[in-house]
Structure formats: structure tokens, C-alpha cells
Amino acid sequence: MDTNDAVQALKELGHVHRLKIFKRLVKSGYDGLPVGEIREEVGIPHSSMTHHIASLVRAGLIIQKREGRILRCIPQYQRLWDLIDFLQEECCVDQKCNRIDK
């Protein structure tokens, strides 16, 4: 992950509604959740839900899959792990300490 990718992901997660959506999806597992279920659980108005989901999709943090009339959001764990790795990749390098890996 490069700096621009990290900035985009962090920017989208920096909004309270998008962070709630993403945290709920991460909790759901690899199958994700239908948009309607997410909206009900996190209490986001329908009028703004589409905008928040689109922002997370653009940042590569989630994808959407259509299942008939249901639109399912699926968290992209690799993107999350890449972001975490980016944030900690130089942890303590100035102190020459051992970094604890995954």
C-alpha cells in the first residue's frame, strides 16, 4: 500500500457513519451483510447510506454483490490488513527495537 492509498482509506474511515458501517462489516465475516441490515443496525438514514457505501467501495474497503433484489456489502480484509501494515511498518525503527509481527 502506498501513501495515497492509505490516505484514501483513512479519509473514508474518518467519517463516523462510514467507520460504523465498516466496523459492523468487519464483524460480520467474509459473507458480509445486506445494505438494509447494515442500515438498520447502525441507524444511518437511507438517504445517506448509498453515499457512505460508495465512499467505502471507492477506497477499496468493501465490495458489493447483487443477489437478486439484495445488495450485499463484503469487507475487504486484505485491504484492512494492508492499511494496518502500512501504519505499523516503521514502528519504532528509530529506537531499533524489535517489531512484533502478526
N, C-alpha and C. Protein backbone atom coordinates (compact mmCIF):
# COMPACT_ATOMS: atom_id res chain seq x y z
N MET A 1 0.85 -1.18 0.00
CA MET A 1 0.00 0.00 0.00
C MET A 1 0.89 1.23 0.00
N ASP A 2 0.57 2.17 -0.88
CA ASP A 2 1.34 3.40 -0.89
C ASP A 2 0.62 4.48 -0.06
N THR A 3 1.29 5.59 0.09
CA THR A 3 0.76 6.67 0.94
C THR A 3 -0.60 7.16 0.45
N ASN A 4 -0.76 7.33 -0.86
CA ASN A 4 -2.05 7.80 -1.39
C ASN A 4 -3.19 6.84 -1.10
N ASP A 5 -2.92 5.53 -1.21
CA ASP A 5 -3.94 4.53 -0.88
C ASP A 5 -4.33 4.62 0.60
N ALA A 6 -3.33 4.75 1.44
CA ALA A 6 -3.58 4.84 2.88
C ALA A 6 -4.39 6.09 3.21
N VAL A 7 -4.04 7.21 2.58
CA VAL A 7 -4.76 8.46 2.82
C VAL A 7 -6.23 8.30 2.43
N GLN A 8 -6.48 7.69 1.28
CA GLN A 8 -7.87 7.50 0.83
C GLN A 8 -8.66 6.63 1.80
N ALA A 9 -8.07 5.52 2.22
CA ALA A 9 -8.76 4.62 3.15
C ALA A 9 -9.02 5.31 4.49
N LEU A 10 -8.01 6.00 5.01
CA LEU A 10 -8.17 6.67 6.30
C LEU A 10 -9.17 7.82 6.20
N LYS A 11 -9.17 8.51 5.07
CA LYS A 11 -10.13 9.60 4.87
C LYS A 11 -11.56 9.07 4.96
N GLU A 12 -11.82 7.96 4.29
CA GLU A 12 -13.18 7.41 4.31
C GLU A 12 -13.54 6.85 5.67
N LEU A 13 -12.60 6.27 6.36
CA LEU A 13 -12.87 5.76 7.70
C LEU A 13 -12.94 6.88 8.74
N GLY A 14 -12.55 8.08 8.35
CA GLY A 14 -12.57 9.22 9.26
C GLY A 14 -13.94 9.85 9.44
N HIS A 15 -14.95 9.29 8.83
CA HIS A 15 -16.32 9.77 9.00
C HIS A 15 -17.05 8.79 9.92
N VAL A 16 -17.78 9.31 10.88
CA VAL A 16 -18.40 8.47 11.91
C VAL A 16 -19.32 7.41 11.32
N HIS A 17 -20.13 7.74 10.33
CA HIS A 17 -21.04 6.75 9.75
C HIS A 17 -20.29 5.68 8.97
N ARG A 18 -19.28 6.08 8.21
CA ARG A 18 -18.53 5.09 7.44
C ARG A 18 -17.72 4.18 8.36
N LEU A 19 -17.21 4.73 9.44
CA LEU A 19 -16.48 3.90 10.39
C LEU A 19 -17.43 2.88 11.03
N LYS A 20 -18.63 3.31 11.39
CA LYS A 20 -19.62 2.38 11.96
C LYS A 20 -19.98 1.28 10.97
N ILE A 21 -20.19 1.66 9.72
CA ILE A 21 -20.52 0.68 8.68
C ILE A 21 -19.38 -0.33 8.54
N PHE A 22 -18.17 0.17 8.42
CA PHE A 22 -17.03 -0.72 8.20
C PHE A 22 -16.79 -1.63 9.39
N LYS A 23 -16.87 -1.08 10.59
CA LYS A 23 -16.69 -1.93 11.79
C LYS A 23 -17.74 -3.02 11.85
N ARG A 24 -18.97 -2.68 11.50
CA ARG A 24 -20.03 -3.70 11.51
C ARG A 24 -19.75 -4.77 10.47
N LEU A 25 -19.29 -4.36 9.29
CA LEU A 25 -18.99 -5.33 8.25
C LEU A 25 -17.81 -6.22 8.63
N VAL A 26 -16.79 -5.66 9.22
CA VAL A 26 -15.63 -6.46 9.63
C VAL A 26 -16.07 -7.52 10.63
N LYS A 27 -16.99 -7.15 11.49
CA LYS A 27 -17.51 -8.08 12.49
C LYS A 27 -18.33 -9.21 11.84
N SER A 28 -18.93 -8.93 10.68
CA SER A 28 -19.84 -9.89 10.04
C SER A 28 -19.14 -11.09 9.42
N GLY A 29 -17.89 -10.95 9.06
CA GLY A 29 -17.18 -12.06 8.42
C GLY A 29 -17.15 -11.92 6.91
N TYR A 30 -16.66 -12.96 6.25
CA TYR A 30 -16.41 -12.93 4.82
C TYR A 30 -17.67 -12.88 3.96
N ASP A 31 -18.82 -13.20 4.51
CA ASP A 31 -20.06 -13.15 3.73
C ASP A 31 -20.66 -11.76 3.70
N GLY A 32 -20.23 -10.89 4.60
CA GLY A 32 -20.77 -9.53 4.64
C GLY A 32 -22.22 -9.49 5.06
N LEU A 33 -22.88 -8.38 4.74
CA LEU A 33 -24.27 -8.17 5.14
C LEU A 33 -25.02 -7.41 4.05
N PRO A 34 -26.33 -7.62 3.98
CA PRO A 34 -27.14 -6.80 3.09
C PRO A 34 -27.15 -5.35 3.55
N VAL A 35 -27.22 -4.43 2.59
CA VAL A 35 -27.21 -3.00 2.90
C VAL A 35 -28.31 -2.63 3.89
N GLY A 36 -29.51 -3.17 3.69
CA GLY A 36 -30.63 -2.85 4.58
C GLY A 36 -30.37 -3.25 6.02
N GLU A 37 -29.74 -4.38 6.20
CA GLU A 37 -29.43 -4.85 7.56
C GLU A 37 -28.39 -3.95 8.22
N ILE A 38 -27.39 -3.55 7.45
CA ILE A 38 -26.37 -2.64 7.99
C ILE A 38 -27.03 -1.33 8.43
N ARG A 39 -27.85 -0.79 7.53
CA ARG A 39 -28.51 0.49 7.78
C ARG A 39 -29.34 0.44 9.06
N GLU A 40 -30.10 -0.62 9.23
CA GLU A 40 -30.93 -0.76 10.43
C GLU A 40 -30.08 -0.88 11.68
N GLU A 41 -29.02 -1.67 11.62
CA GLU A 41 -28.18 -1.90 12.80
C GLU A 41 -27.40 -0.66 13.24
N VAL A 42 -26.90 0.10 12.28
CA VAL A 42 -26.08 1.25 12.66
C VAL A 42 -26.88 2.55 12.71
N GLY A 43 -28.14 2.50 12.27
CA GLY A 43 -29.02 3.65 12.41
C GLY A 43 -28.69 4.82 11.50
N ILE A 44 -28.30 4.52 10.27
CA ILE A 44 -27.97 5.57 9.30
C ILE A 44 -29.18 5.78 8.39
N PRO A 45 -29.56 7.02 8.14
CA PRO A 45 -30.71 7.27 7.26
C PRO A 45 -30.48 6.70 5.86
N HIS A 46 -31.54 6.18 5.28
CA HIS A 46 -31.48 5.61 3.94
C HIS A 46 -30.93 6.61 2.93
N SER A 47 -31.28 7.87 3.11
CA SER A 47 -30.87 8.91 2.16
C SER A 47 -29.35 9.08 2.06
N SER A 48 -28.63 8.77 3.11
CA SER A 48 -27.17 8.94 3.07
C SER A 48 -26.40 7.62 3.00
N MET A 49 -27.09 6.51 3.16
CA MET A 49 -26.42 5.21 3.18
C MET A 49 -25.69 4.93 1.86
N THR A 50 -26.33 5.21 0.74
CA THR A 50 -25.73 4.97 -0.57
C THR A 50 -24.42 5.72 -0.73
N HIS A 51 -24.41 6.96 -0.29
CA HIS A 51 -23.20 7.79 -0.37
C HIS A 51 -22.07 7.18 0.46
N HIS A 52 -22.37 6.77 1.68
CA HIS A 52 -21.34 6.21 2.56
C HIS A 52 -20.80 4.89 2.02
N ILE A 53 -21.68 4.04 1.52
CA ILE A 53 -21.25 2.77 0.94
C ILE A 53 -20.36 3.02 -0.27
N ALA A 54 -20.77 3.94 -1.14
CA ALA A 54 -19.98 4.25 -2.34
C ALA A 54 -18.58 4.74 -1.97
N SER A 55 -18.47 5.52 -0.92
CA SER A 55 -17.16 6.01 -0.48
C SER A 55 -16.26 4.86 -0.02
N LEU A 56 -16.83 3.91 0.70
CA LEU A 56 -16.05 2.76 1.15
C LEU A 56 -15.66 1.85 -0.01
N VAL A 57 -16.53 1.75 -1.01
CA VAL A 57 -16.20 0.97 -2.20
C VAL A 57 -15.05 1.63 -2.96
N ARG A 58 -15.12 2.95 -3.16
CA ARG A 58 -14.05 3.67 -3.86
C ARG A 58 -12.71 3.51 -3.16
N ALA A 59 -12.73 3.45 -1.85
CA ALA A 59 -11.48 3.29 -1.09
C ALA A 59 -11.00 1.84 -1.08
N GLY A 60 -11.78 0.92 -1.65
CA GLY A 60 -11.39 -0.48 -1.71
C GLY A 60 -11.59 -1.23 -0.42
N LEU A 61 -12.31 -0.64 0.52
CA LEU A 61 -12.51 -1.27 1.82
C LEU A 61 -13.64 -2.29 1.81
N ILE A 62 -14.59 -2.13 0.89
CA ILE A 62 -15.67 -3.09 0.73
C ILE A 62 -15.97 -3.28 -0.75
N ILE A 63 -16.62 -4.37 -1.07
CA ILE A 63 -17.19 -4.56 -2.40
C ILE A 63 -18.67 -4.85 -2.22
N GLN A 64 -19.42 -4.73 -3.31
CA GLN A 64 -20.84 -5.04 -3.27
C GLN A 64 -21.15 -6.13 -4.27
N LYS A 65 -22.06 -7.03 -3.88
CA LYS A 65 -22.52 -8.09 -4.77
C LYS A 65 -24.04 -8.09 -4.74
N ARG A 66 -24.62 -8.18 -5.93
CA ARG A 66 -26.07 -8.23 -6.03
C ARG A 66 -26.51 -9.68 -5.98
N GLU A 67 -27.52 -9.92 -5.13
CA GLU A 67 -28.13 -11.26 -5.01
C GLU A 67 -29.62 -11.06 -5.21
N GLY A 68 -30.05 -11.06 -6.45
CA GLY A 68 -31.45 -10.77 -6.75
C GLY A 68 -31.74 -9.32 -6.40
N ARG A 69 -32.66 -9.12 -5.47
CA ARG A 69 -33.01 -7.76 -5.05
C ARG A 69 -32.16 -7.26 -3.89
N ILE A 70 -31.30 -8.11 -3.37
CA ILE A 70 -30.46 -7.78 -2.22
C ILE A 70 -29.09 -7.31 -2.70
N LEU A 71 -28.62 -6.23 -2.10
CA LEU A 71 -27.27 -5.74 -2.37
C LEU A 71 -26.44 -6.00 -1.11
N ARG A 72 -25.46 -6.87 -1.25
CA ARG A 72 -24.64 -7.30 -0.10
C ARG A 72 -23.30 -6.58 -0.12
N CYS A 73 -22.89 -6.09 1.04
CA CYS A 73 -21.58 -5.45 1.21
C CYS A 73 -20.64 -6.44 1.88
N ILE A 74 -19.45 -6.55 1.32
CA ILE A 74 -18.48 -7.52 1.82
C ILE A 74 -17.18 -6.79 2.15
N PRO A 75 -16.71 -6.94 3.39
CA PRO A 75 -15.46 -6.26 3.77
C PRO A 75 -14.28 -6.88 3.05
N GLN A 76 -13.33 -6.04 2.71
CA GLN A 76 -12.12 -6.49 2.04
C GLN A 76 -11.00 -6.53 3.07
N TYR A 77 -10.87 -7.69 3.70
CA TYR A 77 -9.92 -7.83 4.80
C TYR A 77 -8.49 -7.58 4.38
N GLN A 78 -8.12 -8.00 3.17
CA GLN A 78 -6.74 -7.78 2.74
C GLN A 78 -6.42 -6.28 2.71
N ARG A 79 -7.37 -5.49 2.27
CA ARG A 79 -7.18 -4.03 2.25
C ARG A 79 -7.00 -3.51 3.67
N LEU A 80 -7.79 -4.01 4.60
CA LEU A 80 -7.66 -3.62 6.01
C LEU A 80 -6.28 -4.02 6.55
N TRP A 81 -5.87 -5.24 6.27
CA TRP A 81 -4.56 -5.71 6.75
C TRP A 81 -3.43 -4.90 6.12
N ASP A 82 -3.58 -4.56 4.84
CA ASP A 82 -2.57 -3.73 4.18
C ASP A 82 -2.47 -2.36 4.84
N LEU A 83 -3.61 -1.79 5.21
CA LEU A 83 -3.62 -0.49 5.88
C LEU A 83 -2.95 -0.59 7.25
N ILE A 84 -3.26 -1.62 7.98
CA ILE A 84 -2.64 -1.81 9.30
C ILE A 84 -1.13 -1.99 9.15
N ASP A 85 -0.72 -2.80 8.18
CA ASP A 85 0.71 -2.99 7.94
C ASP A 85 1.39 -1.67 7.57
N PHE A 86 0.73 -0.88 6.71
CA PHE A 86 1.29 0.41 6.32
C PHE A 86 1.51 1.29 7.55
N LEU A 87 0.54 1.30 8.45
CA LEU A 87 0.63 2.16 9.64
C LEU A 87 1.73 1.71 10.61
N GLN A 88 2.00 0.43 10.64
CA GLN A 88 2.98 -0.04 11.63
C GLN A 88 4.32 -0.47 11.02
N GLU A 89 4.47 -0.30 9.69
CA GLU A 89 5.67 -0.84 9.05
C GLU A 89 6.98 -0.23 9.56
N GLU A 90 6.93 0.97 10.04
CA GLU A 90 8.16 1.58 10.54
C GLU A 90 8.10 1.82 12.05
N CYS A 91 7.27 1.05 12.70
CA CYS A 91 7.11 1.20 14.14
C CYS A 91 8.45 1.04 14.85
N CYS A 92 8.81 2.03 15.59
CA CYS A 92 9.99 2.01 16.46
C CYS A 92 11.32 1.88 15.73
N VAL A 93 11.40 2.11 14.43
CA VAL A 93 12.66 1.92 13.72
C VAL A 93 13.74 2.85 14.23
N ASP A 94 13.36 4.03 14.69
CA ASP A 94 14.36 4.96 15.23
C ASP A 94 14.92 4.48 16.57
N GLN A 95 14.18 3.63 17.24
CA GLN A 95 14.64 3.12 18.53
C GLN A 95 15.30 1.76 18.40
N LYS A 96 15.33 1.25 17.18
CA LYS A 96 15.97 -0.04 16.90
C LYS A 96 15.45 -1.17 17.78
N CYS A 97 14.12 -1.13 18.02
CA CYS A 97 13.50 -2.20 18.80
C CYS A 97 12.94 -3.25 17.84
N ASN A 98 12.65 -4.41 18.35
CA ASN A 98 12.08 -5.48 17.53
C ASN A 98 10.59 -5.24 17.37
N ARG A 99 10.15 -5.21 16.14
CA ARG A 99 8.74 -5.05 15.83
C ARG A 99 8.06 -6.40 15.95
N ILE A 100 6.92 -6.41 16.58
CA ILE A 100 6.16 -7.64 16.73
C ILE A 100 5.29 -7.81 15.50
N ASP A 101 5.53 -8.87 14.75
CA ASP A 101 4.73 -9.14 13.55
C ASP A 101 3.49 -9.93 13.91
N LYS A 102 2.61 -10.03 12.90
CA LYS A 102 1.33 -10.71 13.06
C LYS A 102 1.45 -12.02 13.73
